Amino acid sequence: MKIIFKIGEFSKLTLVSIRMLRYYDEVDLLKPTTINEESGYRLYDIEAIPKLKKIIFLRYLNFMTAEIKEALKDWSDNALIKLLKNKESEIETNIAIEAAKLEKINKAFLDIGEAFMDVHQNVTIKGLESQNVIVLRGILETPDTESILWQQLFDFIIKENIKLPKNYRNIAIFHDLEHKEQDVDVEVCIEVEKLNINQGPIIFRATEPLKTVASMMIYGPFSYNIKKGYFKLAEWLSAHPYYEILGASRQVLHKGPGNEENPENYMT
């Protein structure tokens, strides 16, 4: 039995916005597996993910749509090396602007022929108990500005002398129905010893217990590994169709304050 994802579910699992998925369809880069005749919804299966990975990789390196189409016709090592070398020469003419992308290309050379886009992690099924947390929710300009909310919440905790458990956990909950690059609705939560009185945007509450969730632990830099983790989780869900997907939610649990360069991250 093959799992079919609605476009919104596929967007959340792959961290690609609905707008971009529609664009890929319109320019014939990634067509949906099928379209629901009654609703008109685009539907995708797990076999669309490998091609989507390649498109995302080349778009990050600023390849044009026509170039991506040509590259997808021949994804051999030799063809990909030639493609990257051409782009490397182009970047070297404007090194001050394109330095970050040049570094990505150099890393890609080392990864060709290996499981470049894979994450070797195990998915586990477990429950999540209710936790007492202090919460701050806000709309972020971009996904990578989450630290603004964390700083505000920690400043409040220090000012009010809020007691935290010895091995407290931090939770980031993303509330948008799809992956967004701007105006991101994020709720940051920190485990506390007991609930207290709400103060303005700072809320105390107990999280909802979850009986059954698919969970993955990711080690290493968050920004580098999180997207590959979502691809792996989507593949796992397709391979285990007897688990009914009640809803695609995105929670990231940080174990304790952690280290931003090498944290332990739970993704559910």
Protein backbone atom coordinates (compact mmCIF):
# COMPACT_ATOMS: atom_id res chain seq x y z
CA MET A 1 0.00 0.00 0.00
CA LYS A 2 1.48 3.31 -1.08
CA ILE A 3 0.94 6.41 1.06
CA ILE A 4 -0.26 9.46 -0.86
CA PHE A 5 0.39 12.88 0.67
CA LYS A 6 -1.76 15.93 0.12
CA ILE A 7 0.28 18.92 -1.03
CA GLY A 8 0.15 20.50 2.45
CA GLU A 9 1.38 17.30 4.14
CA PHE A 10 4.10 16.88 1.50
CA SER A 11 5.15 20.50 2.08
CA LYS A 12 5.57 19.95 5.82
CA LEU A 13 7.42 16.65 5.48
CA THR A 14 9.92 18.02 2.92
CA LEU A 15 10.15 21.63 4.24
CA VAL A 16 9.29 22.93 0.76
CA SER A 17 6.49 25.51 0.59
CA ILE A 18 3.24 24.83 -1.25
CA ARG A 19 4.02 27.82 -3.46
CA MET A 20 7.31 26.26 -4.59
CA LEU A 21 5.72 22.84 -5.17
CA ARG A 22 3.12 24.48 -7.39
CA TYR A 23 5.88 26.33 -9.22
CA TYR A 24 7.84 23.10 -9.80
CA ASP A 25 4.67 21.62 -11.27
CA GLU A 26 4.06 24.60 -13.56
CA VAL A 27 7.62 24.59 -15.00
CA ASP A 28 7.64 20.76 -15.35
CA LEU A 29 10.41 20.15 -12.81
CA LEU A 30 8.34 18.03 -10.42
CA LYS A 31 4.84 16.97 -11.41
CA PRO A 32 2.47 15.64 -8.72
CA THR A 33 1.91 11.91 -8.70
CA THR A 34 -1.77 12.51 -9.39
CA ILE A 35 -4.43 15.19 -9.07
CA ASN A 36 -7.70 14.60 -7.24
CA GLU A 37 -10.40 14.99 -9.87
CA GLU A 38 -12.99 16.27 -7.41
CA SER A 39 -10.93 18.69 -5.31
CA GLY A 40 -8.14 19.51 -7.78
CA TYR A 41 -5.54 18.90 -5.02
CA ARG A 42 -2.05 17.91 -6.08
CA LEU A 43 -1.06 14.57 -4.50
CA TYR A 44 2.45 13.17 -4.06
CA ASP A 45 3.93 9.79 -3.14
CA ILE A 46 7.31 8.93 -1.61
CA GLU A 47 8.89 8.40 -5.03
CA ALA A 48 8.77 12.16 -5.63
CA ILE A 49 11.23 12.84 -2.79
CA PRO A 50 14.54 11.78 -4.48
CA LYS A 51 13.86 14.05 -7.46
CA LEU A 52 12.81 16.88 -5.14
CA LYS A 53 16.11 16.52 -3.24
CA LYS A 54 18.07 17.02 -6.48
CA ILE A 55 16.01 20.07 -7.43
CA ILE A 56 16.51 21.66 -3.99
CA PHE A 57 20.25 20.96 -4.12
CA LEU A 58 20.69 22.61 -7.54
CA ARG A 59 18.39 25.54 -6.74
CA TYR A 60 20.43 26.29 -3.63
CA LEU A 61 23.46 26.60 -5.89
CA ASN A 62 21.54 29.12 -8.05
CA PHE A 63 21.01 26.92 -11.11
CA MET A 64 18.29 28.15 -13.45
CA THR A 65 15.22 26.07 -14.26
CA ALA A 66 16.50 25.15 -17.73
CA GLU A 67 19.85 24.03 -16.24
CA ILE A 68 18.10 21.88 -13.63
CA LYS A 69 16.01 20.18 -16.32
CA GLU A 70 19.16 19.26 -18.24
CA ALA A 71 20.92 18.02 -15.10
CA LEU A 72 17.98 15.76 -14.17
CA LYS A 73 18.27 14.03 -17.54
CA ASP A 74 21.73 12.69 -16.60
CA TRP A 75 22.52 12.45 -12.86
CA SER A 76 25.71 10.43 -13.30
CA ASP A 77 28.85 11.27 -11.31
CA ASN A 78 30.75 12.53 -14.37
CA ALA A 79 27.89 14.75 -15.51
CA LEU A 80 27.39 16.16 -12.03
CA ILE A 81 31.13 16.85 -11.58
CA LYS A 82 31.21 18.69 -14.91
CA LEU A 83 28.13 20.67 -13.94
CA LEU A 84 29.62 21.69 -10.59
CA LYS A 85 32.95 22.69 -12.13
CA ASN A 86 31.19 25.01 -14.57
CA LYS A 87 29.31 26.63 -11.73
CA GLU A 88 32.50 26.85 -9.67
CA SER A 89 34.16 28.90 -12.43
CA GLU A 90 31.15 31.21 -12.53
CA ILE A 91 31.23 31.73 -8.77
CA GLU A 92 34.95 32.53 -8.76
CA THR A 93 34.23 35.65 -10.85
CA ASN A 94 32.18 37.06 -7.98
CA ILE A 95 33.80 35.37 -4.98
CA ALA A 96 32.77 37.97 -2.40
CA ILE A 97 29.06 37.33 -3.02
CA GLU A 98 29.14 33.64 -3.86
CA ALA A 99 31.63 32.33 -1.27
CA ALA A 100 29.01 30.35 0.64
CA LYS A 101 27.78 28.58 -2.49
CA LEU A 102 31.34 27.80 -3.57
CA GLU A 103 31.90 26.02 -0.26
CA LYS A 104 28.77 23.92 -0.85
CA ILE A 105 30.10 22.88 -4.27
CA ASN A 106 33.46 21.81 -2.81
CA LYS A 107 31.66 19.67 -0.23
CA ALA A 108 29.48 18.19 -2.96
CA PHE A 109 32.59 16.92 -4.80
CA LEU A 110 33.49 14.83 -1.75
CA ASP A 111 29.99 13.43 -1.41
CA ILE A 112 29.41 12.31 -5.01
CA GLY A 113 29.13 8.53 -5.17
CA GLU A 114 28.15 8.29 -1.52
CA ALA A 115 24.75 8.51 0.16
CA PHE A 116 24.87 12.31 -0.19
CA MET A 117 21.37 13.18 0.89
CA ASP A 118 20.76 10.44 3.45
CA VAL A 119 20.55 10.65 7.22
CA HIS A 120 21.46 7.47 9.06
CA GLN A 121 19.05 7.72 11.94
CA ASN A 122 16.40 5.41 13.35
CA VAL A 123 12.76 6.33 13.74
CA THR A 124 11.09 5.12 16.92
CA ILE A 125 7.45 4.98 17.98
CA LYS A 126 6.78 6.28 21.47
CA GLY A 127 4.51 8.43 23.56
CA LEU A 128 5.20 11.93 24.88
CA GLU A 129 4.08 12.75 28.40
CA SER A 130 2.54 16.06 29.38
CA GLN A 131 5.06 18.67 30.54
CA ASN A 132 4.72 21.91 32.49
CA VAL A 133 6.20 24.62 30.30
CA ILE A 134 6.63 28.36 30.03
CA VAL A 135 5.72 29.55 26.56
CA LEU A 136 6.32 32.48 24.22
CA ARG A 137 4.72 32.52 20.76
CA GLY A 138 5.52 34.94 17.97
CA ILE A 139 5.69 35.55 14.23
CA LEU A 140 9.28 35.44 13.01
CA GLU A 141 10.54 37.25 9.94
CA THR A 142 12.45 34.14 8.81
CA PRO A 143 12.85 30.58 10.22
CA ASP A 144 16.46 31.20 11.30
CA THR A 145 15.50 34.03 13.68
CA GLU A 146 14.02 31.64 16.26
CA SER A 147 16.76 32.67 18.72
CA ILE A 148 14.96 36.00 19.26
CA LEU A 149 12.09 34.25 21.04
CA TRP A 150 14.43 32.01 23.03
CA GLN A 151 16.41 35.04 24.27
CA GLN A 152 13.23 36.85 25.35
CA LEU A 153 11.97 33.78 27.19
CA PHE A 154 15.28 33.11 28.98
CA ASP A 155 15.53 36.80 29.96
CA PHE A 156 12.08 36.52 31.60
CA ILE A 157 13.05 33.30 33.40
CA ILE A 158 16.17 34.91 34.85
CA LYS A 159 14.33 38.12 35.81
CA GLU A 160 11.48 36.28 37.57
CA ASN A 161 13.72 33.53 39.00
CA ILE A 162 11.63 30.76 37.45
CA LYS A 163 12.73 27.30 38.62
CA LEU A 164 13.66 24.79 35.92
CA PRO A 165 14.15 21.01 36.36
CA LYS A 166 17.74 19.78 36.42
CA ASN A 167 17.53 18.20 32.96
CA TYR A 168 14.87 20.47 31.48
CA ARG A 169 13.88 20.27 27.83
CA ASN A 170 13.22 23.02 25.32
CA ILE A 171 10.51 22.60 22.68
CA ALA A 172 9.97 24.57 19.48
CA ILE A 173 6.55 24.11 17.87
CA PHE A 174 5.91 25.36 14.33
CA HIS A 175 2.20 26.10 13.85
CA ASP A 176 1.98 26.93 10.14
CA LEU A 177 0.10 24.49 7.91
CA GLU A 178 3.02 24.47 5.48
CA HIS A 179 6.74 25.26 5.47
CA LYS A 180 7.20 29.05 5.24
CA GLU A 181 10.25 31.21 4.56
CA GLN A 182 8.69 34.40 5.98
CA ASP A 183 6.26 35.30 8.78
CA VAL A 184 6.79 31.97 10.55
CA ASP A 185 4.44 31.16 13.45
CA VAL A 186 6.66 29.63 16.17
CA GLU A 187 6.04 28.78 19.82
CA VAL A 188 9.06 28.22 22.06
CA CYS A 189 8.59 26.31 25.32
CA ILE A 190 10.89 25.59 28.25
CA GLU A 191 10.11 22.94 30.86
CA VAL A 192 9.49 24.37 34.35
CA GLU A 193 9.06 22.82 37.78
CA LYS A 194 5.57 24.23 38.28
CA LEU A 195 2.99 26.40 36.53
CA ASN A 196 2.67 30.07 37.44
CA ILE A 197 0.53 33.10 36.61
CA ASN A 198 0.58 34.26 32.98
CA GLN A 199 2.21 37.63 32.32
CA GLY A 200 1.34 39.25 29.00
CA PRO A 201 2.68 37.15 26.12
CA ILE A 202 4.42 34.78 28.57
CA ILE A 203 2.13 31.79 29.18
CA PHE A 204 2.38 28.86 31.59
CA ARG A 205 0.60 25.67 30.51
CA ALA A 206 0.81 21.89 30.36
CA THR A 207 1.55 20.38 26.97
CA GLU A 208 -0.88 17.85 25.54
CA PRO A 209 0.27 14.24 26.03
CA LEU A 210 0.68 12.30 22.79
CA LYS A 211 0.01 8.59 22.84
CA THR A 212 1.82 7.64 19.64
CA VAL A 213 4.34 9.68 17.66
CA ALA A 214 7.06 8.91 15.15
CA SER A 215 10.27 10.27 16.67
CA MET A 216 13.82 10.71 15.40
CA MET A 217 16.96 11.84 17.22
CA ILE A 218 19.43 13.90 15.18
CA TYR A 219 22.99 14.67 16.25
CA GLY A 220 25.14 17.50 14.99
CA PRO A 221 24.51 21.00 13.65
CA PHE A 222 20.79 21.69 13.55
CA SER A 223 20.67 23.80 10.37
CA TYR A 224 22.67 21.25 8.35
CA ASN A 225 20.87 18.08 9.42
CA ILE A 226 17.24 19.02 10.05
CA LYS A 227 16.05 19.01 6.42
CA LYS A 228 17.67 15.62 5.73
CA GLY A 229 15.97 14.36 8.88
CA TYR A 230 12.55 15.31 7.53
CA PHE A 231 13.24 13.51 4.26
CA LYS A 232 14.19 10.40 6.25
CA LEU A 233 11.05 10.65 8.37
CA ALA A 234 8.87 10.93 5.25
CA GLU A 235 10.52 7.84 3.76
CA TRP A 236 9.95 5.92 7.00
CA LEU A 237 6.27 6.85 7.07
CA SER A 238 5.82 5.55 3.53
CA ALA A 239 7.57 2.29 4.42
CA HIS A 240 5.26 1.74 7.42
CA PRO A 241 1.75 2.37 6.02
CA TYR A 242 0.04 0.57 8.91
CA TYR A 243 0.64 3.71 11.02
CA GLU A 244 -2.25 6.02 10.20
CA ILE A 245 -1.12 9.62 9.80
CA LEU A 246 -3.57 11.70 11.81
CA GLY A 247 -1.77 14.94 11.11
CA ALA A 248 1.64 16.20 10.09
CA SER A 249 2.88 18.31 12.99
CA ARG A 250 6.35 19.66 13.51
CA GLN A 251 7.96 19.75 16.91
CA VAL A 252 11.65 20.01 17.67
CA LEU A 253 12.76 19.11 21.19
CA HIS A 254 16.15 20.27 22.43
CA LYS A 255 17.56 18.30 25.35
CA GLY A 256 18.57 20.91 27.91
CA PRO A 257 20.13 24.21 26.80
CA GLY A 258 22.47 22.28 24.48
CA ASN A 259 25.18 23.54 22.19
CA GLU A 260 24.09 25.27 18.98
CA GLU A 261 26.96 23.69 17.06
CA ASN A 262 26.41 20.12 18.26
CA PRO A 263 23.07 19.70 20.03
CA GLU A 264 20.92 16.64 20.52
CA ASN A 265 17.64 17.21 18.69
CA TYR A 266 14.45 15.18 18.87
CA MET A 267 12.12 15.61 15.92
CA THR A 268 8.52 14.44 15.98
